[in-house]
Each structure stands twice: as C-alpha cells, then as structure tokens.
Amino acid sequence: MTIDADAVAALADRVLGPQHKGLPPEAWGRTARDFLRDVPTFDRLVTPALTLDSSAIDSNIATMADWAKAAGVQLAPHGKTTMAPQLWAKQLAAGAWGITLATAWQVQLARSFGVGRIMLANALVDPIGLHWVAGELDRDPAFEFVSWVDSVETVAVMEDQLRPTSGPRIKVIVELGGPHGRTGARTVAAALEVAAAVAASSRLSLAGVGGYEGALSHDRSTEGLANVRTYLDQIALLHNELAASGRYPGQAIVTAGGSAYQDLVVERLADLADDATSVVLRSGAYIIHDDGFYAGISPMIPDRSDHPLRSAMHGWARVVSRPEPELALLDAGKRDLPYDEGLPVPQRIAGIGSNADAKVTALNDQHAFLRMASAPPVGTVVRLGLSHPCTAFDKWRLIPVVDDADAEHPRIVDLIHTFF
C-alpha cells in the first residue's frame, strides 16, 4: 500500500528549535538532515530524553510482518500508537495492508502524507469529518477507506448527514463489542440489525465485521484468555451469518487484534481468510513494544516465541537532587514518560550499571523518585525501561533514534517527527 515518499522525506528538511524537547541549542536553526550529518552521539542530547532503538524497530517490523504472512492474515498497524509517518512508511514498505487510525483528524493527517488505504477503527459521525472523507473519496478514486458502525442509530446519523450529497458509498464495518467492553453492538443479534440497516442505506456499504478484544481482558489468566476466545468466536459467527445471507456486496474484512492477543485472533479467525475474505490485524504497539505491559502480556516475548519482539524505546533522566541517602530525584516526570501502564524501571545507571535494588516509586510532573540503598550522585544519568508506547510518543514532538541503546555512546541516526 502507498504513502507519499517525498512528503515523508521532506520531514528531514524541517528546521529544529527549542520546541523540540531534548535537542541541544546547537541544533536550533538547523534542519534535521543537517544535524544528523554530523552523526551526533547521545551525549549531545539534553535530559530528559526519549530515544528509539533503530535495530529493535527494524527487527520488530520484520518479525511481525513475517508472523502475519505465515498466519495468512493482513496487517493494518494502528498508526495512533506513534503518529509518525516515518514509521508508518517502514511498516507499509514491509507489506502492511494499510494503516489504522482512531479519529477523523488522524485520517486527515495520514492523507496529507499520501496514505492510500486507511481503516478508521471508530464511528465517523462528526459531520465535518464525514463530509471531508466523502469528498476525499470522490476526489481520489484510488483512496480506500473503511470506518466502523455499532448501532442502527449510528447508521441513521451517517445516512442523514450524507444524503444531501453525492459520491461513492462509504464502506463500514459492523463492530461487535462485549459485556463491560468499549464500543460495539453487545450481541450478534444486535449486530445483524446494524448490518441490515447498512444494507438498506443509500450512502453506506457493508465491508465486514470486527472489534477489539483487548477491552475484555488485561492478562493471560485462564479466565482472561477464555473471555477473549469466546468474543472472537462471536465475531466469526457474525461474519459467517452475514456471508451466508449474502449481505456482503464485495470482498469482506474481518478485523480484530491489538498487541496483546494477536495469537488468539489468528487462532480463532485466520481460517476465515479466503478469496472473498481478508482477516486484518490492527496491532500497533508491536513496532516499539516495551519493557512493561506488553513485555508481560504479548505472545511475542522470549518465553512464548522463538522470534520475540524487543523494546525499542528508552527514557533517559539525570539525578538533580539527592536529598536523602536512599533517594534521588530525576529530571523526568509525567510530562516526559508514560506511567498509565506501570512506572519506569531503572535499567542502567551511569558509573554503576544495572542495580536490582533501584526502583522508581513515583512520578511528579517533572520529577521521578528513584530509591535504592545508595542513591547515585547528582548529575548521574539513568536509563529507564518504559511501559506503553502510546503514552510515551504523545509527549514528544521529535524523538531521536539511536543505533544501539546499549552502546557506551549511542549514535543518533534519525529523528522521528510525531503528530499529536
């Protein structure tokens, strides 16, 4: 699938400045391309900093692409994880079917970079966003777009907003939810009613079924996995009933899959893939992975896979205060590092190395509380393992990519622009 390579490449010509947290003053006024020409090392960054590991990103992209291909499913990685067209381009180049997004604005951003196939994993009922998508489909016949609906009411709202206009039908996927889950029709019977409403619409076209299993479990307990399997079986049942009744006017899509249970999605849904049906995974976090939530729950970790994912992100912070012998305050906090799925974990302390005793116990807006038997001196740099890439990326407009985060002096080989 396509992306505008020239638009992505042009990001290297953006001028750097103080709005780019972590970059040194020497970078201000220079383009990203010019700054990278010097092959700067990590030592030239200002803490706090977030870095990405180039080799880990490439490995994760290849690992997931190979895994999906072997399973016979397509991959439409969720772009909201990174909101980074440079990384989307890598995923598409590795064979991704398209890019998944969550809001109309994110779709507009992706289109500005020429992404040619987009799944909006959400209902599109905002009138401005809906009319923009309709106009974009009319303007560019090659653009492929599909969004979600989960109620007859949603279908009616979209129909009412689109009826005064002309143009191609908007393809929609009927979303099936689950008890205490997020969005989605709560039963197969309700979902069938939604599909019937789509079939009766003059401006919508039924493209498939799908949902999000990650809202139904947050661990790999026997009960949690059973809940996910039961839910995925309901998606399969919904698809089979629609296919048997001839509701699909063309190729069908069956879609599920975050980055926690993609193995179960393949187990329960991959057999649905055939000449008339594509099974599409929307996993997003895999490209970065982490040292926290996904490192524990993903099926693609060393204990569960011969080809595991690797964490490609690290936080870096400096000791700015040692008010007590066993307490150091670091210069990174909630404004810099993710904390919703677990606190940062100290991995390496300059001059000390790893220390199993070290622990971050709390984050303030701009401070982390590092506790250990003997706190490191003021000025010491600490590398932190992080949990949840989605809430790491959204804190940074520009993220340096290093060649090897384990090296003594990692080299900065790229700068990733984010759009949040």
Protein backbone atom coordinates (compact mmCIF):
# COMPACT_ATOMS: atom_id res chain seq x y z
CA MET A 1 0.00 0.00 0.00
CA THR A 2 1.13 3.55 -0.69
CA ILE A 3 2.46 6.54 1.18
CA ASP A 4 3.96 9.70 -0.31
CA ALA A 5 7.68 9.03 -0.01
CA ASP A 6 8.55 12.62 -0.94
CA ALA A 7 6.33 14.02 1.84
CA VAL A 8 7.95 11.69 4.36
CA ALA A 9 11.45 12.54 3.13
CA ALA A 10 10.66 16.26 3.39
CA LEU A 11 10.45 15.89 7.18
CA ALA A 12 14.26 15.85 7.16
CA ASP A 13 14.16 19.46 5.94
CA ARG A 14 12.16 20.72 8.91
CA VAL A 15 14.01 23.27 10.99
CA LEU A 16 14.80 22.27 14.56
CA GLY A 17 14.27 24.56 17.52
CA PRO A 18 13.67 24.82 21.26
CA GLN A 19 10.19 23.34 20.78
CA HIS A 20 11.92 20.01 20.21
CA LYS A 21 12.48 18.76 23.73
CA GLY A 22 15.78 17.05 24.34
CA LEU A 23 17.70 18.60 21.45
CA PRO A 24 20.68 20.81 22.33
CA PRO A 25 20.81 24.52 21.43
CA GLU A 26 23.43 23.70 18.79
CA ALA A 27 20.63 22.02 16.79
CA TRP A 28 18.36 25.07 16.75
CA GLY A 29 18.03 26.70 13.36
CA ARG A 30 19.41 23.64 11.57
CA THR A 31 17.40 21.10 9.62
CA ALA A 32 17.08 17.57 10.88
CA ARG A 33 19.13 16.44 7.90
CA ASP A 34 21.92 18.88 8.70
CA PHE A 35 22.00 17.94 12.39
CA LEU A 36 22.25 14.23 11.56
CA ARG A 37 25.04 14.83 9.06
CA ASP A 38 27.44 15.25 11.99
CA VAL A 39 26.48 11.77 13.31
CA PRO A 40 25.89 13.17 16.81
CA THR A 41 26.02 10.91 19.84
CA PHE A 42 23.50 10.63 22.64
CA ASP A 43 25.81 12.63 24.90
CA ARG A 44 24.80 15.77 22.98
CA LEU A 45 21.15 15.47 23.99
CA VAL A 46 19.61 17.29 26.94
CA THR A 47 17.85 15.28 29.65
CA PRO A 48 15.11 14.32 29.99
CA ALA A 49 15.17 12.41 26.72
CA LEU A 50 13.28 9.66 24.94
CA THR A 51 15.11 7.60 22.35
CA LEU A 52 14.21 4.84 19.93
CA ASP A 53 16.48 1.96 19.01
CA SER A 54 16.91 1.58 15.24
CA SER A 55 17.78 -2.11 15.19
CA ALA A 56 14.91 -3.02 17.52
CA ILE A 57 12.39 -1.14 15.34
CA ASP A 58 13.59 -2.87 12.18
CA SER A 59 13.58 -6.25 13.93
CA ASN A 60 10.05 -5.76 15.28
CA ILE A 61 8.68 -4.70 11.90
CA ALA A 62 10.22 -7.71 10.18
CA THR A 63 9.16 -10.11 12.94
CA MET A 64 5.53 -9.02 12.84
CA ALA A 65 5.38 -8.92 9.04
CA ASP A 66 6.75 -12.46 8.80
CA TRP A 67 4.43 -13.70 11.54
CA ALA A 68 1.32 -12.24 9.89
CA LYS A 69 2.30 -13.62 6.49
CA ALA A 70 2.87 -17.09 7.91
CA ALA A 71 -0.52 -16.93 9.64
CA GLY A 72 -2.28 -15.93 6.41
CA VAL A 73 -3.56 -12.61 7.75
CA GLN A 74 -3.10 -8.98 6.76
CA LEU A 75 -1.64 -6.27 8.99
CA ALA A 76 -3.04 -2.73 9.28
CA PRO A 77 -0.95 -1.38 12.17
CA HIS A 78 -2.66 1.16 14.38
CA GLY A 79 -0.99 4.44 13.48
CA LYS A 80 -2.24 6.26 16.60
CA THR A 81 0.45 4.44 18.60
CA THR A 82 3.22 6.54 17.09
CA MET A 83 1.51 9.16 14.88
CA ALA A 84 4.80 9.09 13.00
CA PRO A 85 4.59 8.91 9.17
CA GLN A 86 8.25 7.92 9.01
CA LEU A 87 7.44 4.76 10.94
CA TRP A 88 4.21 4.16 9.00
CA ALA A 89 6.31 4.22 5.83
CA LYS A 90 8.53 1.46 7.21
CA GLN A 91 5.52 -0.66 8.11
CA LEU A 92 3.93 -0.19 4.69
CA ALA A 93 7.22 -0.98 2.96
CA ALA A 94 7.28 -4.26 4.91
CA GLY A 95 3.93 -5.24 3.39
CA ALA A 96 1.30 -3.75 5.68
CA TRP A 97 -2.21 -3.80 4.14
CA GLY A 98 -2.88 -0.25 5.31
CA ILE A 99 -2.84 2.00 8.37
CA THR A 100 -5.48 2.01 11.11
CA LEU A 101 -6.40 5.29 12.81
CA ALA A 102 -8.81 6.42 15.52
CA THR A 103 -10.11 9.91 14.64
CA ALA A 104 -11.07 11.87 11.55
CA TRP A 105 -8.22 14.27 12.21
CA GLN A 106 -5.72 11.41 12.25
CA VAL A 107 -7.12 10.28 8.89
CA GLN A 108 -6.62 13.80 7.52
CA LEU A 109 -3.03 13.80 8.73
CA ALA A 110 -2.38 10.42 7.12
CA ARG A 111 -3.88 11.59 3.85
CA SER A 112 -1.59 14.62 3.89
CA PHE A 113 1.24 12.08 3.71
CA GLY A 114 -0.47 10.13 0.93
CA VAL A 115 -1.52 7.01 2.85
CA GLY A 116 -3.66 5.15 0.33
CA ARG A 117 -5.63 2.70 2.47
CA ILE A 118 -6.99 3.63 5.89
CA MET A 119 -9.20 1.89 8.41
CA LEU A 120 -10.84 4.23 10.93
CA ALA A 121 -11.43 1.95 13.91
CA ASN A 122 -14.19 4.15 15.21
CA ALA A 123 -17.58 5.53 14.20
CA LEU A 124 -17.42 8.52 11.86
CA VAL A 125 -20.35 10.71 12.88
CA ASP A 126 -18.70 14.13 13.13
CA PRO A 127 -20.33 15.98 10.21
CA ILE A 128 -17.22 17.89 9.14
CA GLY A 129 -15.04 14.80 9.26
CA LEU A 130 -17.64 12.69 7.49
CA HIS A 131 -18.10 15.17 4.65
CA TRP A 132 -14.33 15.56 4.31
CA VAL A 133 -13.91 11.78 3.92
CA ALA A 134 -16.74 11.67 1.39
CA GLY A 135 -15.09 14.45 -0.57
CA GLU A 136 -11.70 12.75 -0.41
CA LEU A 137 -13.15 9.51 -1.76
CA ASP A 138 -14.78 11.45 -4.58
CA ARG A 139 -11.59 13.38 -5.32
CA ASP A 140 -9.31 10.35 -5.36
CA PRO A 141 -10.89 7.12 -6.65
CA ALA A 142 -7.74 5.21 -5.67
CA PHE A 143 -8.18 6.08 -1.98
CA GLU A 144 -9.53 3.14 0.06
CA PHE A 145 -11.30 3.89 3.32
CA VAL A 146 -13.44 1.98 5.80
CA SER A 147 -14.88 3.06 9.15
CA TRP A 148 -16.99 1.35 11.84
CA VAL A 149 -20.63 1.37 12.93
CA ASP A 150 -22.04 -0.29 16.04
CA SER A 151 -25.72 0.70 16.13
CA VAL A 152 -28.70 1.40 13.92
CA GLU A 153 -28.57 4.93 15.34
CA THR A 154 -25.02 5.40 14.04
CA VAL A 155 -26.08 4.26 10.58
CA ALA A 156 -29.02 6.69 10.65
CA VAL A 157 -26.80 9.62 11.67
CA MET A 158 -24.33 8.90 8.88
CA GLU A 159 -27.13 8.44 6.35
CA ASP A 160 -28.81 11.70 7.33
CA GLN A 161 -25.57 13.65 7.06
CA LEU A 162 -24.59 12.15 3.70
CA ARG A 163 -27.98 12.01 1.99
CA PRO A 164 -27.86 15.57 0.55
CA THR A 165 -24.52 14.80 -1.13
CA SER A 166 -23.47 12.52 -3.93
CA GLY A 167 -20.41 10.38 -4.45
CA PRO A 168 -19.19 6.87 -3.70
CA ARG A 169 -20.63 4.93 -0.79
CA ILE A 170 -18.58 4.87 2.40
CA LYS A 171 -17.58 1.36 3.41
CA VAL A 172 -18.31 0.42 7.01
CA ILE A 173 -17.52 -2.48 9.29
CA VAL A 174 -20.09 -3.63 11.85
CA GLU A 175 -18.41 -3.59 15.23
CA LEU A 176 -19.25 -6.28 17.75
CA GLY A 177 -18.46 -5.45 21.36
CA GLY A 178 -18.64 -7.45 24.55
CA PRO A 179 -20.06 -7.15 28.07
CA HIS A 180 -18.35 -4.34 30.01
CA GLY A 181 -16.21 -3.66 26.95
CA ARG A 182 -15.81 -0.49 24.97
CA THR A 183 -17.83 0.35 21.85
CA GLY A 184 -19.60 -2.24 19.72
CA ALA A 185 -23.02 -3.86 19.45
CA ARG A 186 -23.39 -6.05 22.52
CA THR A 187 -24.90 -9.13 20.83
CA VAL A 188 -24.68 -10.87 17.48
CA ALA A 189 -28.41 -10.28 17.03
CA ALA A 190 -27.94 -6.53 17.55
CA ALA A 191 -25.00 -6.52 15.14
CA LEU A 192 -27.13 -8.24 12.49
CA GLU A 193 -29.68 -5.45 12.83
CA VAL A 194 -26.90 -2.92 12.26
CA ALA A 195 -25.80 -4.82 9.14
CA ALA A 196 -29.39 -4.79 7.84
CA ALA A 197 -29.53 -1.02 8.35
CA VAL A 198 -26.29 -0.62 6.40
CA ALA A 199 -27.68 -2.77 3.59
CA ALA A 200 -30.73 -0.51 3.40
CA SER A 201 -28.61 2.66 3.30
CA SER A 202 -28.16 4.64 0.11
CA ARG A 203 -24.74 6.03 1.12
CA LEU A 204 -23.06 3.19 3.07
CA SER A 205 -21.75 -0.20 2.04
CA LEU A 206 -21.14 -3.21 4.29
CA ALA A 207 -17.42 -4.08 4.23
CA GLY A 208 -17.10 -6.57 7.07
CA VAL A 209 -17.14 -7.16 10.80
CA GLY A 210 -14.70 -6.54 13.59
CA GLY A 211 -13.96 -5.41 17.10
CA TYR A 212 -11.36 -5.02 19.81
CA GLU A 213 -10.66 -7.90 22.15
CA GLY A 214 -8.19 -6.03 24.35
CA ALA A 215 -11.00 -4.37 26.30
CA LEU A 216 -12.22 -7.74 27.58
CA SER A 217 -9.07 -8.89 29.36
CA HIS A 218 -5.88 -7.39 30.72
CA ASP A 219 -3.88 -10.50 31.50
CA ARG A 220 -3.16 -14.04 30.31
CA SER A 221 -5.04 -15.83 33.04
CA THR A 222 -7.13 -18.84 32.05
CA GLU A 223 -10.28 -16.78 32.54
CA GLY A 224 -8.92 -13.81 30.59
CA LEU A 225 -7.90 -15.91 27.59
CA ALA A 226 -11.24 -17.72 27.65
CA ASN A 227 -13.07 -14.38 27.54
CA VAL A 228 -11.06 -13.31 24.51
CA ARG A 229 -11.60 -16.61 22.69
CA THR A 230 -15.36 -16.50 23.33
CA TYR A 231 -15.55 -12.97 22.00
CA LEU A 232 -13.54 -13.77 18.86
CA ASP A 233 -15.78 -16.77 18.22
CA GLN A 234 -18.75 -14.38 18.26
CA ILE A 235 -17.07 -12.22 15.62
CA ALA A 236 -16.59 -15.34 13.48
CA LEU A 237 -20.25 -16.28 13.98
CA LEU A 238 -21.38 -12.80 12.95
CA HIS A 239 -19.24 -12.89 9.81
CA ASN A 240 -20.43 -16.36 8.83
CA GLU A 241 -24.09 -15.38 9.21
CA LEU A 242 -23.61 -12.27 7.07
CA ALA A 243 -21.68 -14.19 4.42
CA ALA A 244 -24.26 -16.99 4.31
CA SER A 245 -27.09 -14.49 3.86
CA GLY A 246 -25.30 -12.70 1.03
CA ARG A 247 -25.08 -9.37 2.88
CA TYR A 248 -21.59 -8.50 1.60
CA PRO A 249 -21.66 -6.71 -1.74
CA GLY A 250 -17.98 -7.41 -2.31
CA GLN A 251 -14.77 -8.50 -0.57
CA ALA A 252 -15.27 -8.82 3.19
CA ILE A 253 -12.95 -7.79 6.02
CA VAL A 254 -12.80 -9.49 9.41
CA THR A 255 -10.69 -7.40 11.76
CA ALA A 256 -9.50 -7.64 15.36
CA GLY A 257 -6.22 -7.68 17.17
CA GLY A 258 -4.36 -5.29 19.40
CA SER A 259 -0.83 -6.11 20.52
CA ALA A 260 -1.74 -8.36 23.46
CA TYR A 261 -3.79 -11.22 21.97
CA GLN A 262 -2.93 -11.31 18.28
CA ASP A 263 -2.12 -15.02 18.65
CA LEU A 264 -5.70 -15.69 19.72
CA VAL A 265 -7.03 -13.64 16.81
CA VAL A 266 -5.10 -15.87 14.45
CA GLU A 267 -6.19 -18.99 16.33
CA ARG A 268 -9.89 -18.11 16.12
CA LEU A 269 -10.21 -16.05 12.95
CA ALA A 270 -7.40 -16.84 10.48
CA ASP A 271 -9.34 -19.76 8.99
CA LEU A 272 -11.94 -17.28 7.73
CA ALA A 273 -9.45 -15.88 5.22
CA ASP A 274 -10.18 -16.94 1.65
CA ASP A 275 -10.68 -15.42 -1.80
CA ALA A 276 -13.71 -13.48 -0.54
CA THR A 277 -12.50 -12.52 2.96
CA SER A 278 -9.41 -10.81 4.36
CA VAL A 279 -8.55 -11.15 8.04
CA VAL A 280 -6.86 -7.94 9.15
CA LEU A 281 -4.90 -7.43 12.38
CA ARG A 282 -4.66 -3.88 13.73
CA SER A 283 -1.77 -4.37 16.17
CA GLY A 284 0.03 -1.06 16.74
CA ALA A 285 2.35 -1.26 19.75
CA TYR A 286 4.45 -4.11 18.33
CA ILE A 287 6.71 -1.74 16.37
CA ILE A 288 8.03 -0.27 19.63
CA HIS A 289 7.00 -2.94 22.17
CA ASP A 290 8.10 -2.06 25.73
CA ASP A 291 9.68 -3.17 28.99
CA GLY A 292 6.40 -3.21 30.91
CA PHE A 293 2.81 -4.08 29.99
CA TYR A 294 3.44 -5.57 26.54
CA ALA A 295 6.63 -7.28 27.71
CA GLY A 296 4.40 -9.26 30.05
CA ILE A 297 1.25 -9.89 28.03
CA SER A 298 2.34 -10.11 24.39
CA PRO A 299 2.51 -13.55 22.77
CA MET A 300 5.73 -12.43 21.09
CA ILE A 301 8.13 -12.41 24.05
CA PRO A 302 11.06 -14.80 24.70
CA ASP A 303 9.04 -17.18 26.90
CA ARG A 304 6.32 -17.54 24.24
CA SER A 305 8.06 -17.08 20.89
CA ASP A 306 11.21 -18.12 19.08
CA HIS A 307 11.20 -14.72 17.38
CA PRO A 308 10.36 -12.24 20.13
CA LEU A 309 9.80 -8.52 19.90
CA ARG A 310 12.27 -6.14 21.55
CA SER A 311 11.68 -2.92 23.40
CA ALA A 312 12.69 -0.07 21.10
CA MET A 313 12.19 2.85 23.49
CA HIS A 314 14.09 4.15 26.49
CA GLY A 315 13.82 7.11 28.77
CA TRP A 316 16.90 8.94 29.98
CA ALA A 317 16.96 11.15 33.06
CA ARG A 318 19.56 12.83 35.22
CA VAL A 319 19.83 12.99 39.01
CA VAL A 320 19.14 16.59 40.01
CA SER A 321 18.80 16.10 43.77
CA ARG A 322 19.85 13.59 46.43
CA PRO A 323 18.02 14.89 49.50
CA GLU A 324 18.27 11.59 51.36
CA PRO A 325 20.90 8.81 51.22
CA GLU A 326 18.42 6.38 49.64
CA LEU A 327 16.54 8.84 47.41
CA ALA A 328 17.46 10.54 44.16
CA LEU A 329 15.19 12.85 42.19
CA LEU A 330 15.45 12.59 38.41
CA ASP A 331 14.63 15.34 35.92
CA ALA A 332 11.91 13.35 34.08
CA GLY A 333 8.29 13.03 35.12
CA LYS A 334 4.74 12.60 33.88
CA ARG A 335 5.27 15.24 31.18
CA ASP A 336 8.08 13.14 29.70
CA LEU A 337 7.46 9.45 30.41
CA PRO A 338 4.46 7.07 30.32
CA TYR A 339 3.02 5.93 33.64
CA ASP A 340 -0.53 4.68 32.94
CA GLU A 341 0.57 1.04 32.49
CA GLY A 342 3.36 0.99 35.04
CA LEU A 343 6.17 3.23 36.28
CA PRO A 344 9.55 3.45 34.53
CA VAL A 345 12.10 0.83 35.54
CA PRO A 346 15.79 1.72 36.07
CA GLN A 347 17.90 -0.36 33.69
CA ARG A 348 21.32 1.22 33.71
CA ILE A 349 22.90 3.83 35.98
CA ALA A 350 26.00 5.60 34.69
CA GLY A 351 29.06 4.54 36.65
CA ILE A 352 27.14 1.71 38.31
CA GLY A 353 25.48 -0.35 35.60
CA SER A 354 22.37 -2.37 36.43
CA ASN A 355 21.14 -2.42 40.01
CA ALA A 356 18.32 -4.71 41.07
CA ASP A 357 17.82 -2.60 44.18
CA ALA A 358 16.93 0.54 42.19
CA LYS A 359 13.24 1.38 41.79
CA VAL A 360 11.17 4.34 40.62
CA THR A 361 8.39 4.65 43.18
CA ALA A 362 6.54 7.75 41.96
CA LEU A 363 6.37 10.40 39.25
CA ASN A 364 5.52 14.09 39.62
CA ASP A 365 5.04 16.36 36.63
CA GLN A 366 8.79 16.85 36.14
CA HIS A 367 10.44 14.52 38.66
CA ALA A 368 10.90 10.79 39.20
CA PHE A 369 11.60 9.36 42.66
CA LEU A 370 14.46 6.86 42.40
CA ARG A 371 15.00 4.81 45.54
CA MET A 372 17.95 2.48 46.18
CA ALA A 373 20.29 1.55 49.03
CA SER A 374 22.81 4.19 48.00
CA ALA A 375 21.42 6.85 45.69
CA PRO A 376 23.73 7.89 42.81
CA PRO A 377 25.40 11.33 42.83
CA VAL A 378 23.84 14.46 41.39
CA GLY A 379 24.47 14.59 37.64
CA THR A 380 24.28 10.80 37.11
CA VAL A 381 22.33 9.70 34.01
CA VAL A 382 19.86 6.82 34.38
CA ARG A 383 18.41 4.80 31.51
CA LEU A 384 14.81 3.76 32.10
CA GLY A 385 12.72 0.96 30.68
CA LEU A 386 9.22 2.16 29.82
CA SER A 387 5.72 0.73 29.61
CA HIS A 388 3.14 1.57 26.91
CA PRO A 389 4.46 3.25 23.74
CA CYS A 390 1.14 5.01 23.02
CA THR A 391 1.55 7.28 26.02
CA ALA A 392 5.29 7.71 25.52
CA PHE A 393 5.16 9.06 21.97
CA ASP A 394 2.45 11.62 22.64
CA LYS A 395 4.77 13.54 24.97
CA TRP A 396 7.39 14.24 22.30
CA ARG A 397 7.30 16.21 19.04
CA LEU A 398 10.63 14.78 17.93
CA ILE A 399 12.27 11.54 19.03
CA PRO A 400 15.93 10.73 18.35
CA VAL A 401 16.70 7.26 17.00
CA VAL A 402 19.97 5.70 18.16
CA ASP A 403 21.88 2.87 16.58
CA ASP A 404 22.28 0.90 19.80
CA ALA A 405 20.83 1.91 23.17
CA ASP A 406 23.24 -0.50 24.89
CA ALA A 407 26.36 1.17 23.48
CA GLU A 408 28.50 3.35 25.70
CA HIS A 409 27.96 6.30 23.36
CA PRO A 410 24.92 5.58 21.15
CA ARG A 411 24.93 7.39 17.82
CA ILE A 412 21.86 9.34 16.71
CA VAL A 413 20.94 8.05 13.24
CA ASP A 414 17.48 9.57 12.70
CA LEU A 415 14.91 11.95 14.14
CA ILE A 416 11.26 10.83 14.19
CA HIS A 417 8.60 13.55 13.91
CA THR A 418 5.32 12.87 15.69
CA PHE A 419 1.93 14.47 15.06
CA PHE A 420 -0.40 14.52 18.08
